[in-house]
Structure formats: structure tokens, C-alpha cells
């Protein structure tokens, strides 16, 4: 049986940063997704989704929509340094400083397409989206794994835990397996729902 780790190539899915100015009308609009790290988890970094949408509207983004309480925002905007704009907006309005990852529609779709696993339940598969290129400590993974499988592509590390994420010691220690990069994780159900929201937003 082969090693349960594989690397799949993908061109860099991150947005091209430009300036940090408010959006202006006239340039091409497109759909984007913002993924916030560590909000509304265990009582830390509490952020009502209505406030997140309000910050997005203040920036000038169009049609901001949120999904569940884990910090997922779909919006329409021109190209720009959206991660910085949203992080600064949250800090200014709410005093909340959280890492933010922003991807355009096409790059997010390409990122999800790298997943090599077909879980019986979407909740058994998590994508750990990375803020920068990570290094994986496979010695830690090998010491902990039972039925888990892991795969890495540019911008995401996939963890498949067939016995359930809640029972997985690997899932507990992913912060030690993924080294040198911040991540924000979502299960496959959430990732797919956000893609549908992006599709709907782009269709307009």
C-alpha cells in the first residue's frame, strides 16, 4: 500500500494584490470569497455575521453574503488587496484582528478541484487552506494516523478522516503537521456550499 500522502500541482490560487484603496466603479467586477481564521470558535474572536456583512458594505463591496458563523463571506468587487481591506475594516469597526484569506471565484474552484478524496460524508473531509506555502511534518502524521489520508496541493492541505474528524488524533494535531503557514479549515460540505454561492453571485 502506498504512502497516504501525495502532492498535486496547481498554479497559485491567491489573488493578485494591488492597492488598498476603496473600490471604484468602472472596472470589471467579479465574485470573491473571504475566509476568516478562528472566529466564533470556543468563545474566541466573536464576530456576528451581520457585522461582517456591514464591514464589507462599508468597504464598498457589492452583495455581501455570509454562510454559517465560521467567517465565510462571498461578495462582488473589482481586483484589489481585499484581505488587507477586510482585516483593517474589522479592526477599525470592531477592534477585532483576525487573519483573512481571500480568493477569486476561479481560483477557489480550481483549489477545490485538487481534492483527490471521495468521502462517504462531507464532514469527514476537511480542506486546510493555507496563507503561504507550508511544510508538512509527515513524521507527526505517521505517528498519529489510523485510517486518515492526507494530500497537499498549492494553497490547500486535504485531510480525509473516514472514522470522523472528531475522533481523529491527526485532526487534533494538524497545527503540528502543517508547519510554517497559517491555515483556515472548512469541511467539504461548507466548501461546496461556498462554491455554489460564488457560482450564483457570478451569474448575478
Protein backbone atom coordinates (compact mmCIF):
# COMPACT_ATOMS: atom_id res chain seq x y z
CA UNK A 1 0.00 0.00 0.00
CA UNK A 2 1.37 3.40 -0.97
CA UNK A 3 2.04 6.24 1.40
CA UNK A 4 -1.21 8.15 2.11
CA UNK A 5 0.42 11.48 1.26
CA UNK A 6 0.50 12.94 -2.22
CA UNK A 7 1.29 16.31 -3.77
CA UNK A 8 -0.87 17.66 -6.59
CA UNK A 9 0.26 20.66 -8.63
CA UNK A 10 -1.86 23.78 -9.01
CA UNK A 11 -0.99 27.27 -10.14
CA UNK A 12 -1.04 29.76 -7.29
CA UNK A 13 -4.71 30.40 -6.42
CA UNK A 14 -4.17 33.58 -4.45
CA UNK A 15 -5.42 36.92 -5.60
CA UNK A 16 -3.01 39.44 -7.04
CA UNK A 17 -2.66 42.23 -4.51
CA UNK A 18 -2.84 45.78 -5.72
CA UNK A 19 -3.53 48.89 -3.67
CA UNK A 20 -5.59 49.14 -0.51
CA UNK A 21 -7.98 51.83 -1.72
CA UNK A 22 -11.77 51.74 -1.69
CA UNK A 23 -13.33 50.15 -4.77
CA UNK A 24 -14.32 52.49 -7.58
CA UNK A 25 -16.94 51.80 -10.24
CA UNK A 26 -15.95 51.07 -13.81
CA UNK A 27 -13.51 48.17 -13.62
CA UNK A 28 -14.57 44.56 -14.08
CA UNK A 29 -16.44 43.13 -11.10
CA UNK A 30 -16.07 39.51 -10.09
CA UNK A 31 -17.07 37.18 -7.27
CA UNK A 32 -14.72 36.58 -4.33
CA UNK A 33 -14.74 34.51 -1.16
CA UNK A 34 -13.21 35.63 2.13
CA UNK A 35 -12.35 33.01 4.75
CA UNK A 36 -11.64 34.27 8.26
CA UNK A 37 -9.46 32.30 10.60
CA UNK A 38 -10.56 31.35 14.10
CA UNK A 39 -13.75 33.36 14.54
CA UNK A 40 -16.58 32.16 16.80
CA UNK A 41 -14.57 29.12 17.90
CA UNK A 42 -14.55 28.22 21.58
CA UNK A 43 -15.75 31.66 22.62
CA UNK A 44 -12.80 33.43 20.99
CA UNK A 45 -12.92 36.21 18.37
CA UNK A 46 -16.69 36.61 18.47
CA UNK A 47 -17.98 38.10 15.24
CA UNK A 48 -21.68 38.38 14.36
CA UNK A 49 -22.13 37.71 10.66
CA UNK A 50 -24.29 40.82 10.33
CA UNK A 51 -21.26 42.85 11.42
CA UNK A 52 -19.07 41.08 8.87
CA UNK A 53 -21.53 41.97 6.11
CA UNK A 54 -21.66 45.56 7.37
CA UNK A 55 -17.87 45.88 7.20
CA UNK A 56 -17.92 44.51 3.66
CA UNK A 57 -20.57 47.05 2.67
CA UNK A 58 -18.56 49.88 4.26
CA UNK A 59 -15.56 48.89 2.13
CA UNK A 60 -17.75 49.23 -0.94
CA UNK A 61 -18.16 45.58 -1.90
CA UNK A 62 -21.36 44.55 -3.59
CA UNK A 63 -23.90 41.93 -2.46
CA UNK A 64 -22.01 40.62 0.59
CA UNK A 65 -23.39 37.29 1.81
CA UNK A 66 -22.30 35.13 4.74
CA UNK A 67 -22.69 31.41 5.38
CA UNK A 68 -22.86 29.92 8.89
CA UNK A 69 -20.94 31.54 11.73
CA UNK A 70 -17.38 30.43 10.98
CA UNK A 71 -16.45 33.53 8.99
CA UNK A 72 -17.34 32.87 5.35
CA UNK A 73 -18.13 35.82 3.10
CA UNK A 74 -18.97 35.93 -0.61
CA UNK A 75 -19.02 39.31 -2.33
CA UNK A 76 -18.53 41.12 -5.64
CA UNK A 77 -15.72 43.58 -6.20
CA UNK A 78 -13.01 44.73 -8.54
CA UNK A 79 -9.46 43.47 -8.14
CA UNK A 80 -7.68 44.72 -5.02
CA UNK A 81 -5.96 43.80 -1.79
CA UNK A 82 -9.20 42.55 -0.29
CA UNK A 83 -7.67 40.60 2.58
CA UNK A 84 -5.99 43.75 3.90
CA UNK A 85 -9.12 45.83 3.40
CA UNK A 86 -11.29 43.40 5.35
CA UNK A 87 -8.77 42.83 8.13
CA UNK A 88 -8.31 46.58 8.57
CA UNK A 89 -12.07 47.14 8.45
CA UNK A 90 -12.74 44.58 11.17
CA UNK A 91 -10.03 46.10 13.33
CA UNK A 92 -11.30 49.65 12.85
CA UNK A 93 -15.01 48.89 13.33
CA UNK A 94 -14.91 46.11 15.92
CA UNK A 95 -11.39 46.06 17.37
CA UNK A 96 -11.07 42.50 16.04
CA UNK A 97 -7.81 41.44 14.42
CA UNK A 98 -8.15 38.13 12.58
CA UNK A 99 -6.26 36.65 9.61
CA UNK A 100 -8.23 36.77 6.36
CA UNK A 101 -7.75 34.74 3.19
CA UNK A 102 -9.46 35.99 0.03
CA UNK A 103 -9.71 34.06 -3.25
CA UNK A 104 -11.37 34.91 -6.56
CA UNK A 105 -14.09 32.63 -7.88
CA UNK A 106 -11.97 30.86 -10.49
CA UNK A 107 -9.07 30.20 -8.14
CA UNK A 108 -11.37 28.88 -5.41
CA UNK A 109 -12.97 26.49 -7.90
CA UNK A 110 -9.53 25.32 -9.04
CA UNK A 111 -8.46 24.82 -5.42
CA UNK A 112 -11.45 22.57 -4.68
CA UNK A 113 -10.79 20.59 -7.86
CA UNK A 114 -7.46 19.37 -6.43
CA UNK A 115 -9.20 17.22 -3.82
CA UNK A 116 -8.35 13.54 -4.51
CA UNK A 117 -10.74 12.02 -1.95
CA UNK A 118 -14.38 10.95 -2.25
CA UNK A 119 -15.63 10.69 1.34
CA UNK A 120 -18.85 8.96 2.32
CA UNK A 121 -19.73 12.07 4.31
CA UNK A 122 -18.59 15.59 3.53
CA UNK A 123 -17.94 16.23 7.21
CA UNK A 124 -15.18 13.56 7.12
CA UNK A 125 -13.06 15.66 4.77
CA UNK A 126 -11.52 19.00 5.66
CA UNK A 127 -9.60 21.41 3.49
CA UNK A 128 -6.96 23.42 5.35
CA UNK A 129 -6.47 26.47 3.14
CA UNK A 130 -3.02 27.93 3.62
CA UNK A 131 -1.99 31.58 3.76
CA UNK A 132 1.52 30.76 2.48
CA UNK A 133 3.38 27.63 1.27
CA UNK A 134 3.57 25.15 4.17
CA UNK A 135 5.92 22.34 5.12
CA UNK A 136 4.30 19.08 6.23
CA UNK A 137 5.77 17.10 9.10
CA UNK A 138 4.97 13.61 7.91
CA UNK A 139 6.65 12.03 10.93
CA UNK A 140 3.94 13.51 13.16
CA UNK A 141 1.25 12.37 10.72
CA UNK A 142 2.63 8.82 10.53
CA UNK A 143 2.84 8.57 14.33
CA UNK A 144 -0.82 9.52 14.76
CA UNK A 145 -2.67 8.13 11.75
CA UNK A 146 -5.01 5.16 11.79
CA UNK A 147 -7.29 5.40 8.74
CA UNK A 148 -6.59 9.03 7.84
CA UNK A 149 -5.26 10.17 4.49
CA UNK A 150 -3.63 13.48 3.67
CA UNK A 151 -2.90 15.25 0.39
CA UNK A 152 -1.39 18.62 -0.41
CA UNK A 153 -1.87 20.96 -3.34
CA UNK A 154 -0.83 24.56 -3.84
CA UNK A 155 -2.97 26.54 -1.43
CA UNK A 156 -4.65 23.67 0.45
CA UNK A 157 -3.96 20.55 2.51
CA UNK A 158 -6.72 17.93 2.46
CA UNK A 159 -7.41 15.66 5.42
CA UNK A 160 -9.70 12.67 4.99
CA UNK A 161 -10.72 11.03 8.28
CA UNK A 162 -13.10 8.16 7.40
CA UNK A 163 -13.84 7.42 11.07
CA UNK A 164 -14.82 11.05 11.70
CA UNK A 165 -12.89 14.26 12.23
CA UNK A 166 -13.99 14.37 15.89
CA UNK A 167 -12.32 11.01 16.56
CA UNK A 168 -9.14 11.78 14.65
CA UNK A 169 -5.91 12.43 16.54
CA UNK A 170 -4.45 13.64 13.28
CA UNK A 171 -7.14 16.34 13.04
CA UNK A 172 -6.31 17.44 16.59
CA UNK A 173 -2.66 17.94 15.66
CA UNK A 174 -2.90 19.43 12.20
CA UNK A 175 -1.30 22.59 13.56
CA UNK A 176 1.81 20.48 14.19
CA UNK A 177 1.64 18.66 10.86
CA UNK A 178 1.21 21.80 8.75
CA UNK A 179 4.26 23.87 9.61
CA UNK A 180 5.33 27.37 8.67
CA UNK A 181 1.95 28.62 7.48
CA UNK A 182 -1.32 29.82 8.93
CA UNK A 183 -4.39 27.87 7.83
CA UNK A 184 -8.14 28.16 7.97
CA UNK A 185 -10.12 24.92 7.73
CA UNK A 186 -13.57 24.09 6.40
CA UNK A 187 -15.28 20.76 5.82
CA UNK A 188 -16.22 19.67 2.32
CA UNK A 189 -19.91 20.48 2.82
CA UNK A 190 -19.09 24.08 3.64
CA UNK A 191 -16.55 24.38 0.83
CA UNK A 192 -19.07 23.10 -1.71
CA UNK A 193 -21.78 25.43 -0.44
CA UNK A 194 -19.46 28.41 -0.78
CA UNK A 195 -18.66 27.40 -4.36
CA UNK A 196 -22.37 27.34 -5.13
CA UNK A 197 -22.71 30.81 -3.60
CA UNK A 198 -19.84 32.02 -5.78
CA UNK A 199 -21.43 30.48 -8.86
CA UNK A 200 -24.74 32.19 -8.05
CA UNK A 201 -23.02 35.52 -7.36
CA UNK A 202 -21.08 35.36 -10.62
CA UNK A 203 -24.24 34.52 -12.54
CA UNK A 204 -25.72 37.61 -10.98
